[in-house]
Amino acid sequence: MTPNQACLNLLGLSRRASKQIAGEGLTLAAIRNQTAKLVFIASDAGPTTAKKFHDKAQSYDVPVIDTFTKAEMNAATGNKRTVYAITDAGFAKKMVAIMNQ
């Protein structure tokens, strides 16, 4: 299994474990409240959306993964969203470790 596939599997698992927030507004609020431990931004997101979330995540020191397309993340989670936040530190740590391999 590739690291990308393993990370997408964990993204889907985090959804089923209710450790994920989907959507722009909720993710932005989670970053501000410091409940977001990791942010996923679709690689094919609009430039304004991508910049907004990259800047906000950087200012709150939240890691960002922007490797996957909307279609890949939607297939993994079952949601049609561009931005996701992981709220569990364990999931976030494992996903970052997998993507840094």
PDB file of N, CA and C in Angstrom:
ATOM      1  N   MET A   1       0.849  -1.175   0.000  1.00  0.00           N
ATOM      2  CA  MET A   1       0.000   0.000   0.000  1.00  0.00           C
ATOM      3  C   MET A   1       0.898   1.242   0.000  1.00  0.00           C
ATOM      4  N   THR A   2       0.552   2.189  -0.835  1.00  0.00           N
ATOM      5  CA  THR A   2       1.349   3.415  -0.929  1.00  0.00           C
ATOM      6  C   THR A   2       1.052   4.325   0.257  1.00  0.00           C
ATOM      7  N   PRO A   3       1.964   5.249   0.572  1.00  0.00           N
ATOM      8  CA  PRO A   3       1.694   6.199   1.664  1.00  0.00           C
ATOM      9  C   PRO A   3       0.444   7.046   1.410  1.00  0.00           C
ATOM     10  N   ASN A   4       0.223   7.428   0.155  1.00  0.00           N
ATOM     11  CA  ASN A   4      -0.976   8.216  -0.158  1.00  0.00           C
ATOM     12  C   ASN A   4      -2.247   7.431   0.139  1.00  0.00           C
ATOM     13  N   GLN A   5      -2.268   6.161  -0.247  1.00  0.00           N
ATOM     14  CA  GLN A   5      -3.448   5.328  -0.002  1.00  0.00           C
ATOM     15  C   GLN A   5      -3.651   5.097   1.490  1.00  0.00           C
ATOM     16  N   ALA A   6      -2.571   4.894   2.220  1.00  0.00           N
ATOM     17  CA  ALA A   6      -2.671   4.692   3.666  1.00  0.00           C
ATOM     18  C   ALA A   6      -3.234   5.941   4.346  1.00  0.00           C
ATOM     19  N   CYS A   7      -2.803   7.108   3.900  1.00  0.00           N
ATOM     20  CA  CYS A   7      -3.295   8.354   4.481  1.00  0.00           C
ATOM     21  C   CYS A   7      -4.781   8.557   4.156  1.00  0.00           C
ATOM     22  N   LEU A   8      -5.177   8.242   2.930  1.00  0.00           N
ATOM     23  CA  LEU A   8      -6.596   8.354   2.560  1.00  0.00           C
ATOM     24  C   LEU A   8      -7.451   7.374   3.365  1.00  0.00           C
ATOM     25  N   ASN A   9      -6.920   6.177   3.625  1.00  0.00           N
ATOM     26  CA  ASN A   9      -7.642   5.210   4.453  1.00  0.00           C
ATOM     27  C   ASN A   9      -7.857   5.770   5.859  1.00  0.00           C
ATOM     28  N   LEU A  10      -6.823   6.398   6.417  1.00  0.00           N
ATOM     29  CA  LEU A  10      -6.960   7.005   7.744  1.00  0.00           C
ATOM     30  C   LEU A  10      -7.926   8.189   7.721  1.00  0.00           C
ATOM     31  N   LEU A  11      -7.960   8.911   6.612  1.00  0.00           N
ATOM     32  CA  LEU A  11      -8.910  10.022   6.482  1.00  0.00           C
ATOM     33  C   LEU A  11     -10.344   9.497   6.559  1.00  0.00           C
ATOM     34  N   GLY A  12     -10.621   8.408   5.861  1.00  0.00           N
ATOM     35  CA  GLY A  12     -11.937   7.787   5.927  1.00  0.00           C
ATOM     36  C   GLY A  12     -12.243   7.231   7.312  1.00  0.00           C
ATOM     37  N   LEU A  13     -11.237   6.647   7.940  1.00  0.00           N
ATOM     38  CA  LEU A  13     -11.404   6.096   9.281  1.00  0.00           C
ATOM     39  C   LEU A  13     -11.702   7.205  10.297  1.00  0.00           C
ATOM     40  N   SER A  14     -11.030   8.338  10.150  1.00  0.00           N
ATOM     41  CA  SER A  14     -11.271   9.455  11.068  1.00  0.00           C
ATOM     42  C   SER A  14     -12.702   9.982  10.929  1.00  0.00           C
ATOM     43  N   ARG A  15     -13.247   9.901   9.731  1.00  0.00           N
ATOM     44  CA  ARG A  15     -14.644  10.310   9.516  1.00  0.00           C
ATOM     45  C   ARG A  15     -15.581   9.379  10.276  1.00  0.00           C
ATOM     46  N   ARG A  16     -15.337   8.094  10.155  1.00  0.00           N
ATOM     47  CA  ARG A  16     -16.198   7.122  10.822  1.00  0.00           C
ATOM     48  C   ARG A  16     -16.039   7.165  12.340  1.00  0.00           C
ATOM     49  N   ALA A  17     -14.884   7.636  12.808  1.00  0.00           N
ATOM     50  CA  ALA A  17     -14.641   7.752  14.246  1.00  0.00           C
ATOM     51  C   ALA A  17     -15.090   9.110  14.796  1.00  0.00           C
ATOM     52  N   SER A  18     -15.687   9.939  13.955  1.00  0.00           N
ATOM     53  CA  SER A  18     -16.149  11.288  14.342  1.00  0.00           C
ATOM     54  C   SER A  18     -15.004  12.155  14.863  1.00  0.00           C
ATOM     55  N   LYS A  19     -13.858  12.039  14.251  1.00  0.00           N
ATOM     56  CA  LYS A  19     -12.686  12.839  14.620  1.00  0.00           C
ATOM     57  C   LYS A  19     -12.316  13.783  13.484  1.00  0.00           C
ATOM     58  N   GLN A  20     -13.305  14.137  12.661  1.00  0.00           N
ATOM     59  CA  GLN A  20     -13.064  14.934  11.481  1.00  0.00           C
ATOM     60  C   GLN A  20     -14.127  16.011  11.343  1.00  0.00           C
ATOM     61  N   ILE A  21     -13.722  17.170  10.837  1.00  0.00           N
ATOM     62  CA  ILE A  21     -14.649  18.254  10.522  1.00  0.00           C
ATOM     63  C   ILE A  21     -14.524  18.514   9.032  1.00  0.00           C
ATOM     64  N   ALA A  22     -15.651  18.618   8.346  1.00  0.00           N
ATOM     65  CA  ALA A  22     -15.640  18.819   6.901  1.00  0.00           C
ATOM     66  C   ALA A  22     -16.308  20.140   6.558  1.00  0.00           C
ATOM     67  N   GLY A  23     -15.735  20.818   5.585  1.00  0.00           N
ATOM     68  CA  GLY A  23     -16.309  22.071   5.115  1.00  0.00           C
ATOM     69  C   GLY A  23     -15.476  23.273   5.526  1.00  0.00           C
ATOM     70  N   GLU A  24     -15.591  24.332   4.739  1.00  0.00           N
ATOM     71  CA  GLU A  24     -14.737  25.500   4.947  1.00  0.00           C
ATOM     72  C   GLU A  24     -15.035  26.238   6.239  1.00  0.00           C
ATOM     73  N   GLY A  25     -16.290  26.550   6.487  1.00  0.00           N
ATOM     74  CA  GLY A  25     -16.645  27.332   7.670  1.00  0.00           C
ATOM     75  C   GLY A  25     -16.307  26.633   8.972  1.00  0.00           C
ATOM     76  N   LEU A  26     -16.665  25.365   9.057  1.00  0.00           N
ATOM     77  CA  LEU A  26     -16.387  24.598  10.275  1.00  0.00           C
ATOM     78  C   LEU A  26     -14.893  24.381  10.481  1.00  0.00           C
ATOM     79  N   THR A  27     -14.166  24.169   9.391  1.00  0.00           N
ATOM     80  CA  THR A  27     -12.722  23.974   9.502  1.00  0.00           C
ATOM     81  C   THR A  27     -12.033  25.260   9.947  1.00  0.00           C
ATOM     82  N   LEU A  28     -12.474  26.385   9.403  1.00  0.00           N
ATOM     83  CA  LEU A  28     -11.908  27.671   9.813  1.00  0.00           C
ATOM     84  C   LEU A  28     -12.144  27.913  11.299  1.00  0.00           C
ATOM     85  N   ALA A  29     -13.342  27.602  11.762  1.00  0.00           N
ATOM     86  CA  ALA A  29     -13.653  27.752  13.193  1.00  0.00           C
ATOM     87  C   ALA A  29     -12.803  26.810  14.041  1.00  0.00           C
ATOM     88  N   ALA A  30     -12.579  25.588  13.563  1.00  0.00           N
ATOM     89  CA  ALA A  30     -11.772  24.621  14.306  1.00  0.00           C
ATOM     90  C   ALA A  30     -10.316  25.076  14.406  1.00  0.00           C
ATOM     91  N   ILE A  31      -9.812  25.701  13.350  1.00  0.00           N
ATOM     92  CA  ILE A  31      -8.439  26.218  13.397  1.00  0.00           C
ATOM     93  C   ILE A  31      -8.363  27.350  14.416  1.00  0.00           C
ATOM     94  N   ARG A  32      -9.332  28.246  14.383  1.00  0.00           N
ATOM     95  CA  ARG A  32      -9.346  29.376  15.318  1.00  0.00           C
ATOM     96  C   ARG A  32      -9.496  28.910  16.767  1.00  0.00           C
ATOM     97  N   ASN A  33     -10.323  27.885  16.996  1.00  0.00           N
ATOM     98  CA  ASN A  33     -10.531  27.357  18.350  1.00  0.00           C
ATOM     99  C   ASN A  33      -9.399  26.443  18.795  1.00  0.00           C
ATOM    100  N   GLN A  34      -8.472  26.181  17.905  1.00  0.00           N
ATOM    101  CA  GLN A  34      -7.324  25.308  18.136  1.00  0.00           C
ATOM    102  C   GLN A  34      -7.737  23.873  18.444  1.00  0.00           C
ATOM    103  N   THR A  35      -8.855  23.446  17.867  1.00  0.00           N
ATOM    104  CA  THR A  35      -9.250  22.037  17.969  1.00  0.00           C
ATOM    105  C   THR A  35      -8.766  21.245  16.766  1.00  0.00           C
ATOM    106  N   ALA A  36      -8.385  21.927  15.693  1.00  0.00           N
ATOM    107  CA  ALA A  36      -7.870  21.254  14.496  1.00  0.00           C
ATOM    108  C   ALA A  36      -6.405  20.912  14.707  1.00  0.00           C
ATOM    109  N   LYS A  37      -6.070  19.641  14.531  1.00  0.00           N
ATOM    110  CA  LYS A  37      -4.688  19.185  14.682  1.00  0.00           C
ATOM    111  C   LYS A  37      -3.991  19.035  13.337  1.00  0.00           C
ATOM    112  N   LEU A  38      -4.793  18.910  12.267  1.00  0.00           N
ATOM    113  CA  LEU A  38      -4.274  18.739  10.917  1.00  0.00           C
ATOM    114  C   LEU A  38      -5.351  19.204   9.943  1.00  0.00           C
ATOM    115  N   VAL A  39      -4.940  19.858   8.867  1.00  0.00           N
ATOM    116  CA  VAL A  39      -5.894  20.346   7.867  1.00  0.00           C
ATOM    117  C   VAL A  39      -5.547  19.725   6.516  1.00  0.00           C
ATOM    118  N   PHE A  40      -6.566  19.222   5.835  1.00  0.00           N
ATOM    119  CA  PHE A  40      -6.441  18.734   4.463  1.00  0.00           C
ATOM    120  C   PHE A  40      -7.086  19.758   3.535  1.00  0.00           C
ATOM    121  N   ILE A  41      -6.346  20.188   2.525  1.00  0.00           N
ATOM    122  CA  ILE A  41      -6.877  21.085   1.507  1.00  0.00           C
ATOM    123  C   ILE A  41      -6.720  20.376   0.172  1.00  0.00           C
ATOM    124  N   ALA A  42      -7.767  20.367  -0.634  1.00  0.00           N
ATOM    125  CA  ALA A  42      -7.700  19.707  -1.939  1.00  0.00           C
ATOM    126  C   ALA A  42      -6.675  20.414  -2.821  1.00  0.00           C
ATOM    127  N   SER A  43      -5.903  19.627  -3.558  1.00  0.00           N
ATOM    128  CA  SER A  43      -4.890  20.208  -4.437  1.00  0.00           C
ATOM    129  C   SER A  43      -5.522  20.987  -5.580  1.00  0.00           C
ATOM    130  N   ASP A  44      -6.766  20.663  -5.918  1.00  0.00           N
ATOM    131  CA  ASP A  44      -7.466  21.387  -6.976  1.00  0.00           C
ATOM    132  C   ASP A  44      -8.472  22.393  -6.414  1.00  0.00           C
ATOM    133  N   ALA A  45      -8.255  22.831  -5.180  1.00  0.00           N
ATOM    134  CA  ALA A  45      -9.098  23.882  -4.591  1.00  0.00           C
ATOM    135  C   ALA A  45      -8.773  25.204  -5.274  1.00  0.00           C
ATOM    136  N   GLY A  46      -9.684  26.133  -5.183  1.00  0.00           N
ATOM    137  CA  GLY A  46      -9.456  27.448  -5.767  1.00  0.00           C
ATOM    138  C   GLY A  46      -8.289  28.148  -5.094  1.00  0.00           C
ATOM    139  N   PRO A  47      -7.618  29.041  -5.810  1.00  0.00           N
ATOM    140  CA  PRO A  47      -6.443  29.718  -5.242  1.00  0.00           C
ATOM    141  C   PRO A  47      -6.769  30.553  -4.003  1.00  0.00           C
ATOM    142  N   THR A  48      -7.926  31.169  -3.978  1.00  0.00           N
ATOM    143  CA  THR A  48      -8.317  31.980  -2.823  1.00  0.00           C
ATOM    144  C   THR A  48      -8.539  31.102  -1.603  1.00  0.00           C
ATOM    145  N   THR A  49      -9.239  30.001  -1.778  1.00  0.00           N
ATOM    146  CA  THR A  49      -9.496  29.071  -0.686  1.00  0.00           C
ATOM    147  C   THR A  49      -8.192  28.478  -0.169  1.00  0.00           C
ATOM    148  N   ALA A  50      -7.342  28.052  -1.070  1.00  0.00           N
ATOM    149  CA  ALA A  50      -6.072  27.448  -0.671  1.00  0.00           C
ATOM    150  C   ALA A  50      -5.222  28.438   0.115  1.00  0.00           C
ATOM    151  N   LYS A  51      -5.136  29.662  -0.367  1.00  0.00           N
ATOM    152  CA  LYS A  51      -4.330  30.674   0.330  1.00  0.00           C
ATOM    153  C   LYS A  51      -4.906  30.982   1.712  1.00  0.00           C
ATOM    154  N   LYS A  52      -6.232  31.120   1.791  1.00  0.00           N
ATOM    155  CA  LYS A  52      -6.869  31.438   3.067  1.00  0.00           C
ATOM    156  C   LYS A  52      -6.556  30.369   4.116  1.00  0.00           C
ATOM    157  N   PHE A  53      -6.689  29.104   3.749  1.00  0.00           N
ATOM    158  CA  PHE A  53      -6.466  28.031   4.713  1.00  0.00           C
ATOM    159  C   PHE A  53      -4.990  27.800   5.010  1.00  0.00           C
ATOM    160  N   HIS A  54      -4.131  27.963   4.009  1.00  0.00           N
ATOM    161  CA  HIS A  54      -2.692  27.850   4.268  1.00  0.00           C
ATOM    162  C   HIS A  54      -2.245  28.936   5.248  1.00  0.00           C
ATOM    163  N   ASP A  55      -2.692  30.168   5.015  1.00  0.00           N
ATOM    164  CA  ASP A  55      -2.299  31.276   5.891  1.00  0.00           C
ATOM    165  C   ASP A  55      -2.845  31.104   7.303  1.00  0.00           C
ATOM    166  N   LYS A  56      -4.114  30.727   7.416  1.00  0.00           N
ATOM    167  CA  LYS A  56      -4.731  30.561   8.736  1.00  0.00           C
ATOM    168  C   LYS A  56      -4.063  29.412   9.491  1.00  0.00           C
ATOM    169  N   ALA A  57      -3.822  28.302   8.812  1.00  0.00           N
ATOM    170  CA  ALA A  57      -3.180  27.155   9.468  1.00  0.00           C
ATOM    171  C   ALA A  57      -1.758  27.499   9.898  1.00  0.00           C
ATOM    172  N   GLN A  58      -1.052  28.249   9.068  1.00  0.00           N
ATOM    173  CA  GLN A  58       0.316  28.628   9.418  1.00  0.00           C
ATOM    174  C   GLN A  58       0.334  29.549  10.633  1.00  0.00           C
ATOM    175  N   SER A  59      -0.616  30.484  10.705  1.00  0.00           N
ATOM    176  CA  SER A  59      -0.628  31.417  11.833  1.00  0.00           C
ATOM    177  C   SER A  59      -0.977  30.715  13.148  1.00  0.00           C
ATOM    178  N   TYR A  60      -1.741  29.623  13.088  1.00  0.00           N
ATOM    179  CA  TYR A  60      -2.081  28.856  14.294  1.00  0.00           C
ATOM    180  C   TYR A  60      -1.214  27.617  14.460  1.00  0.00           C
ATOM    181  N   ASP A  61      -0.194  27.472  13.620  1.00  0.00           N
ATOM    182  CA  ASP A  61       0.766  26.369  13.701  1.00  0.00           C
ATOM    183  C   ASP A  61       0.092  24.996  13.569  1.00  0.00           C
ATOM    184  N   VAL A  62      -0.777  24.868  12.568  1.00  0.00           N
ATOM    185  CA  VAL A  62      -1.462  23.610  12.272  1.00  0.00           C
ATOM    186  C   VAL A  62      -0.876  23.058  10.967  1.00  0.00           C
ATOM    187  N   PRO A  63      -0.413  21.807  10.948  1.00  0.00           N
ATOM    188  CA  PRO A  63       0.132  21.256   9.703  1.00  0.00           C
ATOM    189  C   PRO A  63      -0.952  21.104   8.633  1.00  0.00           C
ATOM    190  N   VAL A  64      -0.526  21.199   7.372  1.00  0.00           N
ATOM    191  CA  VAL A  64      -1.436  21.129   6.230  1.00  0.00           C
ATOM    192  C   VAL A  64      -0.957  20.053   5.272  1.00  0.00           C
ATOM    193  N   ILE A  65      -1.895  19.259   4.762  1.00  0.00           N
ATOM    194  CA  ILE A  65      -1.609  18.305   3.686  1.00  0.00           C
ATOM    195  C   ILE A  65      -2.466  18.716   2.500  1.00  0.00           C
ATOM    196  N   ASP A  66      -1.809  19.010   1.381  1.00  0.00           N
ATOM    197  CA  ASP A  66      -2.546  19.423   0.181  1.00  0.00           C
ATOM    198  C   ASP A  66      -2.154  18.586  -1.032  1.00  0.00           C
ATOM    199  N   THR A  67      -1.972  17.304  -0.793  1.00  0.00           N
ATOM    200  CA  THR A  67      -1.527  16.367  -1.827  1.00  0.00           C
ATOM    201  C   THR A  67      -2.682  15.813  -2.645  1.00  0.00           C
ATOM    202  N   PHE A  68      -3.837  15.663  -2.033  1.00  0.00           N
ATOM    203  CA  PHE A  68      -4.941  14.920  -2.651  1.00  0.00           C
ATOM    204  C   PHE A  68      -5.928  15.842  -3.356  1.00  0.00           C
ATOM    205  N   THR A  69      -6.562  15.313  -4.404  1.00  0.00           N
ATOM    206  CA  THR A  69      -7.593  16.058  -5.118  1.00  0.00           C
ATOM    207  C   THR A  69      -8.919  15.937  -4.372  1.00  0.00           C
ATOM    208  N   LYS A  70      -9.872  16.756  -4.779  1.00  0.00           N
ATOM    209  CA  LYS A  70     -11.215  16.687  -4.190  1.00  0.00           C
ATOM    210  C   LYS A  70     -11.800  15.290  -4.377  1.00  0.00           C
ATOM    211  N   ALA A  71     -11.637  14.736  -5.581  1.00  0.00           N
ATOM    212  CA  ALA A  71     -12.212  13.423  -5.885  1.00  0.00           C
ATOM    213  C   ALA A  71     -11.633  12.335  -4.983  1.00  0.00           C
ATOM    214  N   GLU A  72     -10.329  12.367  -4.737  1.00  0.00           N
ATOM    215  CA  GLU A  72      -9.699  11.363  -3.879  1.00  0.00           C
ATOM    216  C   GLU A  72     -10.206  11.472  -2.443  1.00  0.00           C
ATOM    217  N   MET A  73     -10.283  12.701  -1.937  1.00  0.00           N
ATOM    218  CA  MET A  73     -10.758  12.881  -0.558  1.00  0.00           C
ATOM    219  C   MET A  73     -12.242  12.561  -0.440  1.00  0.00           C
ATOM    220  N   ASN A  74     -13.024  12.902  -1.458  1.00  0.00           N
ATOM    221  CA  ASN A  74     -14.453  12.601  -1.430  1.00  0.00           C
ATOM    222  C   ASN A  74     -14.693  11.094  -1.439  1.00  0.00           C
ATOM    223  N   ALA A  75     -13.891  10.367  -2.207  1.00  0.00           N
ATOM    224  CA  ALA A  75     -14.028   8.913  -2.252  1.00  0.00           C
ATOM    225  C   ALA A  75     -13.663   8.298  -0.896  1.00  0.00           C
ATOM    226  N   ALA A  76     -12.683   8.873  -0.216  1.00  0.00           N
ATOM    227  CA  ALA A  76     -12.244   8.328   1.070  1.00  0.00           C
ATOM    228  C   ALA A  76     -13.246   8.617   2.183  1.00  0.00           C
ATOM    229  N   THR A  77     -13.885   9.791   2.145  1.00  0.00           N
ATOM    230  CA  THR A  77     -14.743  10.202   3.258  1.00  0.00           C
ATOM    231  C   THR A  77     -16.236  10.061   2.985  1.00  0.00           C
ATOM    232  N   GLY A  78     -16.616  10.105   1.731  1.00  0.00           N
ATOM    233  CA  GLY A  78     -18.031  10.077   1.402  1.00  0.00           C
ATOM    234  C   GLY A  78     -18.668  11.455   1.445  1.00  0.00           C
ATOM    235  N   ASN A  79     -17.877  12.493   1.679  1.00  0.00           N
ATOM    236  CA  ASN A  79     -18.360  13.881   1.699  1.00  0.00           C
ATOM    237  C   ASN A  79     -17.813  14.617   0.496  1.00  0.00           C
ATOM    238  N   LYS A  80     -18.601  15.530  -0.062  1.00  0.00           N
ATOM    239  CA  LYS A  80     -18.110  16.353  -1.160  1.00  0.00           C
ATOM    240  C   LYS A  80     -17.661  17.688  -0.587  1.00  0.00           C
ATOM    241  N   ARG A  81     -16.424  17.713  -0.088  1.00  0.00           N
ATOM    242  CA  ARG A  81     -15.861  18.906   0.526  1.00  0.00           C
ATOM    243  C   ARG A  81     -14.460  19.153  -0.024  1.00  0.00           C
ATOM    244  N   THR A  82     -14.009  20.384   0.121  1.00  0.00           N
ATOM    245  CA  THR A  82     -12.679  20.765  -0.341  1.00  0.00           C
ATOM    246  C   THR A  82     -11.683  20.786   0.804  1.00  0.00           C
ATOM    247  N   VAL A  83     -12.185  21.042   2.026  1.00  0.00           N
ATOM    248  CA  VAL A  83     -11.308  21.217   3.185  1.00  0.00           C
ATOM    249  C   VAL A  83     -11.803  20.328   4.328  1.00  0.00           C
ATOM    250  N   TYR A  84     -10.863  19.666   4.984  1.00  0.00           N
ATOM    251  CA  TYR A  84     -11.171  18.827   6.142  1.00  0.00           C
ATOM    252  C   TYR A  84     -10.209  19.166   7.270  1.00  0.00           C
ATOM    253  N   ALA A  85     -10.677  19.035   8.495  1.00  0.00           N
ATOM    254  CA  ALA A  85      -9.813  19.192   9.670  1.00  0.00           C
ATOM    255  C   ALA A  85      -9.896  17.919  10.494  1.00  0.00           C
ATOM    256  N   ILE A  86      -8.752  17.452  10.961  1.00  0.00           N
ATOM    257  CA  ILE A  86      -8.684  16.300  11.851  1.00  0.00           C
ATOM    258  C   ILE A  86      -8.567  16.837  13.272  1.00  0.00           C
ATOM    259  N   THR A  87      -9.453  16.380  14.158  1.00  0.00           N
ATOM    260  CA  THR A  87      -9.491  16.919  15.516  1.00  0.00           C
ATOM    261  C   THR A  87      -8.805  16.020  16.537  1.00  0.00           C
ATOM    262  N   ASP A  88      -8.367  14.852  16.122  1.00  0.00           N
ATOM    263  CA  ASP A  88      -7.717  13.913  17.038  1.00  0.00           C
ATOM    264  C   ASP A  88      -6.202  13.939  16.818  1.00  0.00           C
ATOM    265  N   ALA A  89      -5.449  14.145  17.894  1.00  0.00           N
ATOM    266  CA  ALA A  89      -3.990  14.250  17.790  1.00  0.00           C
ATOM    267  C   ALA A  89      -3.355  12.952  17.293  1.00  0.00           C
ATOM    268  N   GLY A  90      -3.901  11.808  17.681  1.00  0.00           N
ATOM    269  CA  GLY A  90      -3.360  10.524  17.250  1.00  0.00           C
ATOM    270  C   GLY A  90      -3.483  10.318  15.748  1.00  0.00           C
ATOM    271  N   PHE A  91      -4.672  10.587  15.206  1.00  0.00           N
ATOM    272  CA  PHE A  91      -4.872  10.490  13.757  1.00  0.00           C
ATOM    273  C   PHE A  91      -3.943  11.463  13.033  1.00  0.00           C
ATOM    274  N   ALA A  92      -3.882  12.690  13.522  1.00  0.00           N
ATOM    275  CA  ALA A  92      -3.070  13.717  12.867  1.00  0.00           C
ATOM    276  C   ALA A  92      -1.596  13.329  12.852  1.00  0.00           C
ATOM    277  N   LYS A  93      -1.098  12.843  13.969  1.00  0.00           N
ATOM    278  CA  LYS A  93       0.313  12.459  14.074  1.00  0.00           C
ATOM    279  C   LYS A  93       0.641  11.329  13.102  1.00  0.00           C
ATOM    280  N   LYS A  94      -0.233  10.330  13.035  1.00  0.00           N
ATOM    281  CA  LYS A  94      -0.002   9.183  12.150  1.00  0.00           C
ATOM    282  C   LYS A  94      -0.053   9.608  10.682  1.00  0.00           C
ATOM    283  N   MET A  95      -1.011  10.477  10.328  1.00  0.00           N
ATOM    284  CA  MET A  95      -1.131  10.929   8.934  1.00  0.00           C
ATOM    285  C   MET A  95       0.098  11.734   8.505  1.00  0.00           C
ATOM    286  N   VAL A  96       0.572  12.608   9.367  1.00  0.00           N
ATOM    287  CA  VAL A  96       1.769  13.394   9.058  1.00  0.00           C
ATOM    288  C   VAL A  96       2.981  12.479   8.928  1.00  0.00           C
ATOM    289  N   ALA A  97       3.086  11.483   9.802  1.00  0.00           N
ATOM    290  CA  ALA A  97       4.205  10.545   9.730  1.00  0.00           C
ATOM    291  C   ALA A  97       4.177   9.752   8.427  1.00  0.00           C
ATOM    292  N   ILE A  98       2.996   9.325   8.013  1.00  0.00           N
ATOM    293  CA  ILE A  98       2.865   8.567   6.766  1.00  0.00           C
ATOM    294  C   ILE A  98       3.252   9.431   5.572  1.00  0.00           C
ATOM    295  N   MET A  99       2.802  10.668   5.553  1.00  0.00           N
ATOM    296  CA  MET A  99       3.072  11.538   4.400  1.00  0.00           C
ATOM    297  C   MET A  99       4.529  12.003   4.350  1.00  0.00           C
ATOM    298  N   ASN A 100       5.239  11.967   5.476  1.00  0.00           N
ATOM    299  CA  ASN A 100       6.641  12.371   5.502  1.00  0.00           C
ATOM    300  C   ASN A 100       7.603  11.224   5.214  1.00  0.00           C
ATOM    301  N   GLN A 101       7.083  10.035   4.940  1.00  0.00           N
ATOM    302  CA  GLN A 101       7.938   8.879   4.643  1.00  0.00           C
ATOM    303  C   GLN A 101       8.661   9.076   3.324  1.00  0.00           C
TER     304      GLN A 101
END
